[in-house]
PDB file of N, CA and C in Angstrom:
ATOM      1  N   UNK A   1     -12.551  15.016  31.302  1.00  0.00           N
ATOM      2  CA  UNK A   1     -12.977  14.452  30.044  1.00  0.00           C
ATOM      3  C   UNK A   1     -12.146  14.999  28.889  1.00  0.00           C
ATOM      4  N   UNK A   2     -11.721  16.249  29.012  1.00  0.00           N
ATOM      5  CA  UNK A   2     -10.915  16.875  27.970  1.00  0.00           C
ATOM      6  C   UNK A   2      -9.553  16.210  27.834  1.00  0.00           C
ATOM      7  N   UNK A   3      -9.000  15.756  28.951  1.00  0.00           N
ATOM      8  CA  UNK A   3      -7.696  15.083  28.915  1.00  0.00           C
ATOM      9  C   UNK A   3      -7.808  13.732  28.205  1.00  0.00           C
ATOM     10  N   UNK A   4      -8.907  13.033  28.416  1.00  0.00           N
ATOM     11  CA  UNK A   4      -9.119  11.757  27.761  1.00  0.00           C
ATOM     12  C   UNK A   4      -9.190  11.949  26.238  1.00  0.00           C
ATOM     13  N   UNK A   5      -9.882  12.993  25.809  1.00  0.00           N
ATOM     14  CA  UNK A   5      -9.988  13.279  24.389  1.00  0.00           C
ATOM     15  C   UNK A   5      -8.622  13.593  23.803  1.00  0.00           C
ATOM     16  N   UNK A   6      -7.809  14.339  24.505  1.00  0.00           N
ATOM     17  CA  UNK A   6      -6.448  14.668  24.024  1.00  0.00           C
ATOM     18  C   UNK A   6      -5.579  13.418  23.954  1.00  0.00           C
ATOM     19  N   UNK A   7      -5.698  12.556  24.947  1.00  0.00           N
ATOM     20  CA  UNK A   7      -4.902  11.325  24.960  1.00  0.00           C
ATOM     21  C   UNK A   7      -5.315  10.440  23.792  1.00  0.00           C
ATOM     22  N   UNK A   8      -6.626  10.315  23.554  1.00  0.00           N
ATOM     23  CA  UNK A   8      -7.077   9.498  22.416  1.00  0.00           C
ATOM     24  C   UNK A   8      -6.673  10.127  21.087  1.00  0.00           C
ATOM     25  N   UNK A   9      -6.634  11.441  20.994  1.00  0.00           N
ATOM     26  CA  UNK A   9      -6.188  12.105  19.758  1.00  0.00           C
ATOM     27  C   UNK A   9      -4.727  11.810  19.505  1.00  0.00           C
ATOM     28  N   UNK A  10      -3.911  11.885  20.519  1.00  0.00           N
ATOM     29  CA  UNK A  10      -2.479  11.589  20.372  1.00  0.00           C
ATOM     30  C   UNK A  10      -2.302  10.122  19.965  1.00  0.00           C
ATOM     31  N   UNK A  11      -3.075   9.239  20.581  1.00  0.00           N
ATOM     32  CA  UNK A  11      -2.993   7.822  20.234  1.00  0.00           C
ATOM     33  C   UNK A  11      -3.407   7.589  18.789  1.00  0.00           C
ATOM     34  N   UNK A  12      -4.461   8.277  18.346  1.00  0.00           N
ATOM     35  CA  UNK A  12      -4.920   8.149  16.969  1.00  0.00           C
ATOM     36  C   UNK A  12      -3.899   8.676  15.974  1.00  0.00           C
ATOM     37  N   UNK A  13      -3.254   9.814  16.308  1.00  0.00           N
ATOM     38  CA  UNK A  13      -2.248  10.360  15.402  1.00  0.00           C
ATOM     39  C   UNK A  13      -1.001   9.486  15.321  1.00  0.00           C
ATOM     40  N   UNK A  14      -0.725   8.721  16.373  1.00  0.00           N
ATOM     41  CA  UNK A  14       0.453   7.860  16.345  1.00  0.00           C
ATOM     42  C   UNK A  14       0.153   6.520  15.658  1.00  0.00           C
ATOM     43  N   UNK A  15      -1.100   6.081  15.670  1.00  0.00           N
ATOM     44  CA  UNK A  15      -1.457   4.805  15.058  1.00  0.00           C
ATOM     45  C   UNK A  15      -1.772   4.967  13.577  1.00  0.00           C
ATOM     46  N   UNK A  16      -2.234   6.135  13.158  1.00  0.00           N
ATOM     47  CA  UNK A  16      -2.634   6.356  11.772  1.00  0.00           C
ATOM     48  C   UNK A  16      -1.548   6.017  10.760  1.00  0.00           C
ATOM     49  N   UNK A  17      -0.302   6.486  10.937  1.00  0.00           N
ATOM     50  CA  UNK A  17       0.736   6.110   9.944  1.00  0.00           C
ATOM     51  C   UNK A  17       0.970   4.612   9.845  1.00  0.00           C
ATOM     52  N   UNK A  18       0.891   3.912  10.971  1.00  0.00           N
ATOM     53  CA  UNK A  18       1.061   2.459  10.949  1.00  0.00           C
ATOM     54  C   UNK A  18      -0.066   1.806  10.144  1.00  0.00           C
ATOM     55  N   UNK A  19      -1.285   2.271  10.306  1.00  0.00           N
ATOM     56  CA  UNK A  19      -2.409   1.742   9.554  1.00  0.00           C
ATOM     57  C   UNK A  19      -2.272   2.009   8.060  1.00  0.00           C
ATOM     58  N   UNK A  20      -1.775   3.186   7.706  1.00  0.00           N
ATOM     59  CA  UNK A  20      -1.600   3.497   6.285  1.00  0.00           C
ATOM     60  C   UNK A  20      -0.448   2.715   5.686  1.00  0.00           C
ATOM     61  N   UNK A  21       0.574   2.388   6.470  1.00  0.00           N
ATOM     62  CA  UNK A  21       1.640   1.534   5.967  1.00  0.00           C
ATOM     63  C   UNK A  21       1.101   0.159   5.652  1.00  0.00           C
ATOM     64  N   UNK A  22       0.307  -0.387   6.556  1.00  0.00           N
ATOM     65  CA  UNK A  22      -0.280  -1.714   6.347  1.00  0.00           C
ATOM     66  C   UNK A  22      -1.263  -1.682   5.170  1.00  0.00           C
ATOM     67  N   UNK A  23      -2.075  -0.634   5.078  1.00  0.00           N
ATOM     68  CA  UNK A  23      -3.021  -0.496   3.963  1.00  0.00           C
ATOM     69  C   UNK A  23      -2.285  -0.391   2.635  1.00  0.00           C
ATOM     70  N   UNK A  24      -1.249   0.420   2.577  1.00  0.00           N
ATOM     71  CA  UNK A  24      -0.472   0.560   1.340  1.00  0.00           C
ATOM     72  C   UNK A  24       0.178  -0.742   0.945  1.00  0.00           C
ATOM     73  N   UNK A  25       0.748  -1.453   1.914  1.00  0.00           N
ATOM     74  CA  UNK A  25       1.389  -2.724   1.607  1.00  0.00           C
ATOM     75  C   UNK A  25       0.354  -3.733   1.103  1.00  0.00           C
ATOM     76  N   UNK A  26      -0.777  -3.803   1.760  1.00  0.00           N
ATOM     77  CA  UNK A  26      -1.781  -4.781   1.365  1.00  0.00           C
ATOM     78  C   UNK A  26      -2.376  -4.514  -0.001  1.00  0.00           C
ATOM     79  N   UNK A  27      -2.710  -3.267  -0.279  1.00  0.00           N
ATOM     80  CA  UNK A  27      -3.310  -2.921  -1.559  1.00  0.00           C
ATOM     81  C   UNK A  27      -2.299  -3.118  -2.697  1.00  0.00           C
ATOM     82  N   UNK A  28      -1.068  -2.694  -2.493  1.00  0.00           N
ATOM     83  CA  UNK A  28      -0.072  -2.840  -3.527  1.00  0.00           C
ATOM     84  C   UNK A  28       0.263  -4.318  -3.766  1.00  0.00           C
ATOM     85  N   UNK A  29       0.322  -5.096  -2.700  1.00  0.00           N
ATOM     86  CA  UNK A  29       0.603  -6.522  -2.843  1.00  0.00           C
ATOM     87  C   UNK A  29      -0.525  -7.215  -3.601  1.00  0.00           C
ATOM     88  N   UNK A  30      -1.775  -6.879  -3.260  1.00  0.00           N
ATOM     89  CA  UNK A  30      -2.919  -7.441  -3.975  1.00  0.00           C
ATOM     90  C   UNK A  30      -2.893  -7.055  -5.443  1.00  0.00           C
ATOM     91  N   UNK A  31      -2.599  -5.787  -5.709  1.00  0.00           N
ATOM     92  CA  UNK A  31      -2.566  -5.292  -7.079  1.00  0.00           C
ATOM     93  C   UNK A  31      -1.495  -6.008  -7.886  1.00  0.00           C
ATOM     94  N   UNK A  32      -0.309  -6.159  -7.317  1.00  0.00           N
ATOM     95  CA  UNK A  32       0.783  -6.800  -8.057  1.00  0.00           C
ATOM     96  C   UNK A  32       0.506  -8.296  -8.268  1.00  0.00           C
ATOM     97  N   UNK A  33      -0.052  -8.965  -7.264  1.00  0.00           N
ATOM     98  CA  UNK A  33      -0.339 -10.395  -7.427  1.00  0.00           C
ATOM     99  C   UNK A  33      -1.456 -10.631  -8.447  1.00  0.00           C
ATOM    100  N   UNK A  34      -2.496  -9.812  -8.388  1.00  0.00           N
ATOM    101  CA  UNK A  34      -3.596  -9.949  -9.340  1.00  0.00           C
ATOM    102  C   UNK A  34      -3.174  -9.526 -10.742  1.00  0.00           C
ATOM    103  N   UNK A  35      -2.254  -8.569 -10.839  1.00  0.00           N
ATOM    104  CA  UNK A  35      -1.806  -8.066 -12.139  1.00  0.00           C
ATOM    105  C   UNK A  35      -1.107  -9.154 -12.940  1.00  0.00           C
ATOM    106  N   UNK A  36      -0.338  -9.999 -12.268  1.00  0.00           N
ATOM    107  CA  UNK A  36       0.433 -11.025 -12.977  1.00  0.00           C
ATOM    108  C   UNK A  36      -0.446 -12.096 -13.573  1.00  0.00           C
ATOM    109  N   UNK A  37      -1.643 -12.307 -12.992  1.00  0.00           N
ATOM    110  CA  UNK A  37      -2.484 -13.421 -13.412  1.00  0.00           C
ATOM    111  C   UNK A  37      -3.676 -12.988 -14.260  1.00  0.00           C
ATOM    112  N   UNK A  38      -3.814 -11.700 -14.557  1.00  0.00           N
ATOM    113  CA  UNK A  38      -5.025 -11.182 -15.187  1.00  0.00           C
ATOM    114  C   UNK A  38      -4.821 -10.925 -16.682  1.00  0.00           C
ATOM    115  N   UNK A  39      -5.944 -10.810 -17.373  1.00  0.00           N
ATOM    116  CA  UNK A  39      -5.905 -10.401 -18.775  1.00  0.00           C
ATOM    117  C   UNK A  39      -5.688  -8.887 -18.823  1.00  0.00           C
ATOM    118  N   UNK A  40      -5.426  -8.343 -20.014  1.00  0.00           N
ATOM    119  CA  UNK A  40      -5.006  -6.955 -20.104  1.00  0.00           C
ATOM    120  C   UNK A  40      -6.079  -5.973 -19.635  1.00  0.00           C
ATOM    121  N   UNK A  41      -7.367  -6.279 -19.806  1.00  0.00           N
ATOM    122  CA  UNK A  41      -8.404  -5.379 -19.376  1.00  0.00           C
ATOM    123  C   UNK A  41      -8.410  -5.231 -17.859  1.00  0.00           C
ATOM    124  N   UNK A  42      -8.227  -6.346 -17.174  1.00  0.00           N
ATOM    125  CA  UNK A  42      -8.171  -6.293 -15.709  1.00  0.00           C
ATOM    126  C   UNK A  42      -6.879  -5.614 -15.254  1.00  0.00           C
ATOM    127  N   UNK A  43      -5.786  -5.812 -15.964  1.00  0.00           N
ATOM    128  CA  UNK A  43      -4.553  -5.129 -15.624  1.00  0.00           C
ATOM    129  C   UNK A  43      -4.702  -3.628 -15.705  1.00  0.00           C
ATOM    130  N   UNK A  44      -5.363  -3.144 -16.746  1.00  0.00           N
ATOM    131  CA  UNK A  44      -5.611  -1.707 -16.889  1.00  0.00           C
ATOM    132  C   UNK A  44      -6.470  -1.199 -15.737  1.00  0.00           C
ATOM    133  N   UNK A  45      -7.520  -1.953 -15.396  1.00  0.00           N
ATOM    134  CA  UNK A  45      -8.387  -1.544 -14.296  1.00  0.00           C
ATOM    135  C   UNK A  45      -7.643  -1.516 -12.959  1.00  0.00           C
ATOM    136  N   UNK A  46      -6.775  -2.486 -12.723  1.00  0.00           N
ATOM    137  CA  UNK A  46      -6.004  -2.527 -11.481  1.00  0.00           C
ATOM    138  C   UNK A  46      -5.065  -1.317 -11.372  1.00  0.00           C
ATOM    139  N   UNK A  47      -4.359  -1.028 -12.446  1.00  0.00           N
ATOM    140  CA  UNK A  47      -3.412   0.090 -12.425  1.00  0.00           C
ATOM    141  C   UNK A  47      -4.150   1.415 -12.243  1.00  0.00           C
ATOM    142  N   UNK A  48      -5.245   1.605 -12.999  1.00  0.00           N
ATOM    143  CA  UNK A  48      -6.007   2.850 -12.865  1.00  0.00           C
ATOM    144  C   UNK A  48      -6.617   2.989 -11.476  1.00  0.00           C
ATOM    145  N   UNK A  49      -7.140   1.903 -10.932  1.00  0.00           N
ATOM    146  CA  UNK A  49      -7.695   1.948  -9.588  1.00  0.00           C
ATOM    147  C   UNK A  49      -6.643   2.301  -8.534  1.00  0.00           C
ATOM    148  N   UNK A  50      -5.468   1.722  -8.689  1.00  0.00           N
ATOM    149  CA  UNK A  50      -4.383   2.011  -7.714  1.00  0.00           C
ATOM    150  C   UNK A  50      -3.957   3.478  -7.804  1.00  0.00           C
ATOM    151  N   UNK A  51      -3.806   3.987  -9.010  1.00  0.00           N
ATOM    152  CA  UNK A  51      -3.394   5.392  -9.150  1.00  0.00           C
ATOM    153  C   UNK A  51      -4.484   6.359  -8.757  1.00  0.00           C
ATOM    154  N   UNK A  52      -5.751   6.035  -9.029  1.00  0.00           N
ATOM    155  CA  UNK A  52      -6.829   6.909  -8.567  1.00  0.00           C
ATOM    156  C   UNK A  52      -6.939   6.892  -7.049  1.00  0.00           C
ATOM    157  N   UNK A  53      -6.629   5.757  -6.438  1.00  0.00           N
ATOM    158  CA  UNK A  53      -6.590   5.725  -4.969  1.00  0.00           C
ATOM    159  C   UNK A  53      -5.493   6.623  -4.437  1.00  0.00           C
ATOM    160  N   UNK A  54      -4.344   6.605  -5.078  1.00  0.00           N
ATOM    161  CA  UNK A  54      -3.250   7.513  -4.680  1.00  0.00           C
ATOM    162  C   UNK A  54      -3.662   8.965  -4.818  1.00  0.00           C
ATOM    163  N   UNK A  55      -4.333   9.297  -5.903  1.00  0.00           N
ATOM    164  CA  UNK A  55      -4.784  10.684  -6.116  1.00  0.00           C
ATOM    165  C   UNK A  55      -5.813  11.074  -5.059  1.00  0.00           C
ATOM    166  N   UNK A  56      -6.753  10.179  -4.775  1.00  0.00           N
ATOM    167  CA  UNK A  56      -7.752  10.480  -3.760  1.00  0.00           C
ATOM    168  C   UNK A  56      -7.146  10.637  -2.375  1.00  0.00           C
ATOM    169  N   UNK A  57      -6.217   9.774  -2.024  1.00  0.00           N
ATOM    170  CA  UNK A  57      -5.566   9.903  -0.724  1.00  0.00           C
ATOM    171  C   UNK A  57      -4.740  11.192  -0.645  1.00  0.00           C
ATOM    172  N   UNK A  58      -4.123  11.580  -1.746  1.00  0.00           N
ATOM    173  CA  UNK A  58      -3.358  12.813  -1.745  1.00  0.00           C
ATOM    174  C   UNK A  58      -4.257  14.013  -1.498  1.00  0.00           C
ATOM    175  N   UNK A  59      -5.480  13.981  -2.020  1.00  0.00           N
ATOM    176  CA  UNK A  59      -6.393  15.095  -1.859  1.00  0.00           C
ATOM    177  C   UNK A  59      -7.043  15.112  -0.480  1.00  0.00           C
ATOM    178  N   UNK A  60      -7.368  13.957   0.100  1.00  0.00           N
ATOM    179  CA  UNK A  60      -8.176  13.916   1.309  1.00  0.00           C
ATOM    180  C   UNK A  60      -7.425  13.499   2.568  1.00  0.00           C
ATOM    181  N   UNK A  61      -6.271  12.932   2.470  1.00  0.00           N
ATOM    182  CA  UNK A  61      -5.504  12.502   3.651  1.00  0.00           C
ATOM    183  C   UNK A  61      -4.382  13.492   3.921  1.00  0.00           C
ATOM    184  N   UNK A  62      -3.834  13.425   5.096  1.00  0.00           N
ATOM    185  CA  UNK A  62      -2.743  14.311   5.471  1.00  0.00           C
ATOM    186  C   UNK A  62      -1.419  13.866   4.845  1.00  0.00           C
ATOM    187  N   UNK A  63      -0.434  14.750   4.883  1.00  0.00           N
ATOM    188  CA  UNK A  63       0.864  14.413   4.286  1.00  0.00           C
ATOM    189  C   UNK A  63       1.536  13.199   4.917  1.00  0.00           C
ATOM    190  N   UNK A  64       1.441  13.071   6.209  1.00  0.00           N
ATOM    191  CA  UNK A  64       2.073  11.923   6.874  1.00  0.00           C
ATOM    192  C   UNK A  64       1.367  10.629   6.496  1.00  0.00           C
ATOM    193  N   UNK A  65       0.071  10.680   6.366  1.00  0.00           N
ATOM    194  CA  UNK A  65      -0.698   9.478   6.019  1.00  0.00           C
ATOM    195  C   UNK A  65      -0.379   9.015   4.605  1.00  0.00           C
ATOM    196  N   UNK A  66      -0.340   9.923   3.656  1.00  0.00           N
ATOM    197  CA  UNK A  66      -0.044   9.532   2.280  1.00  0.00           C
ATOM    198  C   UNK A  66       1.411   9.093   2.145  1.00  0.00           C
ATOM    199  N   UNK A  67       2.294   9.680   2.926  1.00  0.00           N
ATOM    200  CA  UNK A  67       3.698   9.233   2.937  1.00  0.00           C
ATOM    201  C   UNK A  67       3.830   7.830   3.467  1.00  0.00           C
ATOM    202  N   UNK A  68       3.085   7.519   4.523  1.00  0.00           N
ATOM    203  CA  UNK A  68       3.127   6.168   5.067  1.00  0.00           C
ATOM    204  C   UNK A  68       2.526   5.165   4.093  1.00  0.00           C
ATOM    205  N   UNK A  69       1.437   5.560   3.420  1.00  0.00           N
ATOM    206  CA  UNK A  69       0.846   4.696   2.394  1.00  0.00           C
ATOM    207  C   UNK A  69       1.832   4.424   1.275  1.00  0.00           C
ATOM    208  N   UNK A  70       2.493   5.470   0.799  1.00  0.00           N
ATOM    209  CA  UNK A  70       3.467   5.322  -0.268  1.00  0.00           C
ATOM    210  C   UNK A  70       4.642   4.449   0.170  1.00  0.00           C
ATOM    211  N   UNK A  71       5.052   4.581   1.415  1.00  0.00           N
ATOM    212  CA  UNK A  71       6.146   3.744   1.918  1.00  0.00           C
ATOM    213  C   UNK A  71       5.749   2.274   1.931  1.00  0.00           C
ATOM    214  N   UNK A  72       4.552   1.974   2.421  1.00  0.00           N
ATOM    215  CA  UNK A  72       4.079   0.587   2.423  1.00  0.00           C
ATOM    216  C   UNK A  72       3.907   0.037   1.028  1.00  0.00           C
ATOM    217  N   UNK A  73       3.346   0.849   0.133  1.00  0.00           N
ATOM    218  CA  UNK A  73       3.151   0.410  -1.247  1.00  0.00           C
ATOM    219  C   UNK A  73       4.494   0.214  -1.943  1.00  0.00           C
ATOM    220  N   UNK A  74       5.436   1.075  -1.696  1.00  0.00           N
ATOM    221  CA  UNK A  74       6.765   0.932  -2.296  1.00  0.00           C
ATOM    222  C   UNK A  74       7.453  -0.338  -1.865  1.00  0.00           C
ATOM    223  N   UNK A  75       7.345  -0.663  -0.586  1.00  0.00           N
ATOM    224  CA  UNK A  75       7.958  -1.908  -0.107  1.00  0.00           C
ATOM    225  C   UNK A  75       7.298  -3.114  -0.770  1.00  0.00           C
ATOM    226  N   UNK A  76       5.977  -3.091  -0.891  1.00  0.00           N
ATOM    227  CA  UNK A  76       5.275  -4.216  -1.528  1.00  0.00           C
ATOM    228  C   UNK A  76       5.664  -4.373  -2.986  1.00  0.00           C
ATOM    229  N   UNK A  77       5.791  -3.271  -3.691  1.00  0.00           N
ATOM    230  CA  UNK A  77       6.158  -3.341  -5.108  1.00  0.00           C
ATOM    231  C   UNK A  77       7.586  -3.842  -5.265  1.00  0.00           C
ATOM    232  N   UNK A  78       8.480  -3.387  -4.420  1.00  0.00           N
ATOM    233  CA  UNK A  78       9.872  -3.871  -4.478  1.00  0.00           C
ATOM    234  C   UNK A  78       9.939  -5.345  -4.158  1.00  0.00           C
ATOM    235  N   UNK A  79       9.205  -5.790  -3.134  1.00  0.00           N
ATOM    236  CA  UNK A  79       9.243  -7.219  -2.782  1.00  0.00           C
ATOM    237  C   UNK A  79       8.612  -8.099  -3.870  1.00  0.00           C
ATOM    238  N   UNK A  80       7.603  -7.578  -4.557  1.00  0.00           N
ATOM    239  CA  UNK A  80       7.003  -8.399  -5.616  1.00  0.00           C
ATOM    240  C   UNK A  80       7.917  -8.505  -6.825  1.00  0.00           C
ATOM    241  N   UNK A  81       8.818  -7.543  -7.005  1.00  0.00           N
ATOM    242  CA  UNK A  81       9.755  -7.584  -8.111  1.00  0.00           C
ATOM    243  C   UNK A  81      10.954  -8.463  -7.836  1.00  0.00           C
ATOM    244  N   UNK A  82      11.155  -8.796  -6.573  1.00  0.00           N
ATOM    245  CA  UNK A  82      12.280  -9.637  -6.196  1.00  0.00           C
ATOM    246  C   UNK A  82      11.835 -11.091  -6.183  1.00  0.00           C
ATOM    247  N   UNK A  83      11.899 -11.732  -7.294  1.00  0.00           N
ATOM    248  CA  UNK A  83      11.500 -13.142  -7.379  1.00  0.00           C
ATOM    249  C   UNK A  83      12.727 -14.010  -7.158  1.00  0.00           C
ATOM    250  N   UNK A  84      12.466 -15.144  -6.589  1.00  0.00           N
ATOM    251  CA  UNK A  84      13.571 -16.087  -6.358  1.00  0.00           C
ATOM    252  C   UNK A  84      13.934 -16.764  -7.672  1.00  0.00           C
ATOM    253  N   UNK A  85      15.212 -16.800  -7.919  1.00  0.00           N
ATOM    254  CA  UNK A  85      15.667 -17.532  -9.094  1.00  0.00           C
ATOM    255  C   UNK A  85      15.746 -19.009  -8.756  1.00  0.00           C
ATOM    256  N   UNK A  86      14.989 -19.780  -9.502  1.00  0.00           N
ATOM    257  CA  UNK A  86      14.951 -21.203  -9.236  1.00  0.00           C
ATOM    258  C   UNK A  86      16.247 -21.858  -9.745  1.00  0.00           C
ATOM    259  N   UNK A  87      16.758 -22.732  -8.938  1.00  0.00           N
ATOM    260  CA  UNK A  87      17.979 -23.425  -9.318  1.00  0.00           C
ATOM    261  C   UNK A  87      17.662 -24.400 -10.424  1.00  0.00           C
ATOM    262  N   UNK A  88      18.471 -24.361 -11.443  1.00  0.00           N
ATOM    263  CA  UNK A  88      18.276 -25.262 -12.561  1.00  0.00           C
ATOM    264  C   UNK A  88      18.794 -26.656 -12.209  1.00  0.00           C
ATOM    265  N   UNK A  89      18.039 -27.636 -12.634  1.00  0.00           N
ATOM    266  CA  UNK A  89      18.434 -29.007 -12.357  1.00  0.00           C
ATOM    267  C   UNK A  89      19.588 -29.406 -13.279  1.00  0.00           C
ATOM    268  N   UNK A  90      20.602 -30.067 -12.741  1.00  0.00           N
ATOM    269  CA  UNK A  90      21.706 -30.517 -13.596  1.00  0.00           C
ATOM    270  C   UNK A  90      21.222 -31.621 -14.558  1.00  0.00           C
ATOM    271  N   UNK A  91      21.785 -31.627 -15.758  1.00  0.00           N
ATOM    272  CA  UNK A  91      21.397 -32.613 -16.764  1.00  0.00           C
ATOM    273  C   UNK A  91      22.317 -33.774 -16.774  1.00  0.00           C
TER     274      UNK A  91
END
């Protein structure tokens, strides 16, 4: 039974960074999409909520987990900033 527990612990430690990457990407993508369409009060709430989440994760999660979250969030923020330039119609 002890070996099963160790195997599951190793599996959990290897899956955790992937989950935090997906969580970071999803939360940052939601924040950036909602930020563009909201009034300024909601924008302030979104930014403060995102940063307080980062502070909370830094305090309670491990270094690898917060690094994976930051990696996923960074990718989402970069992708949201890369908008397609629409081709102008010829006159």
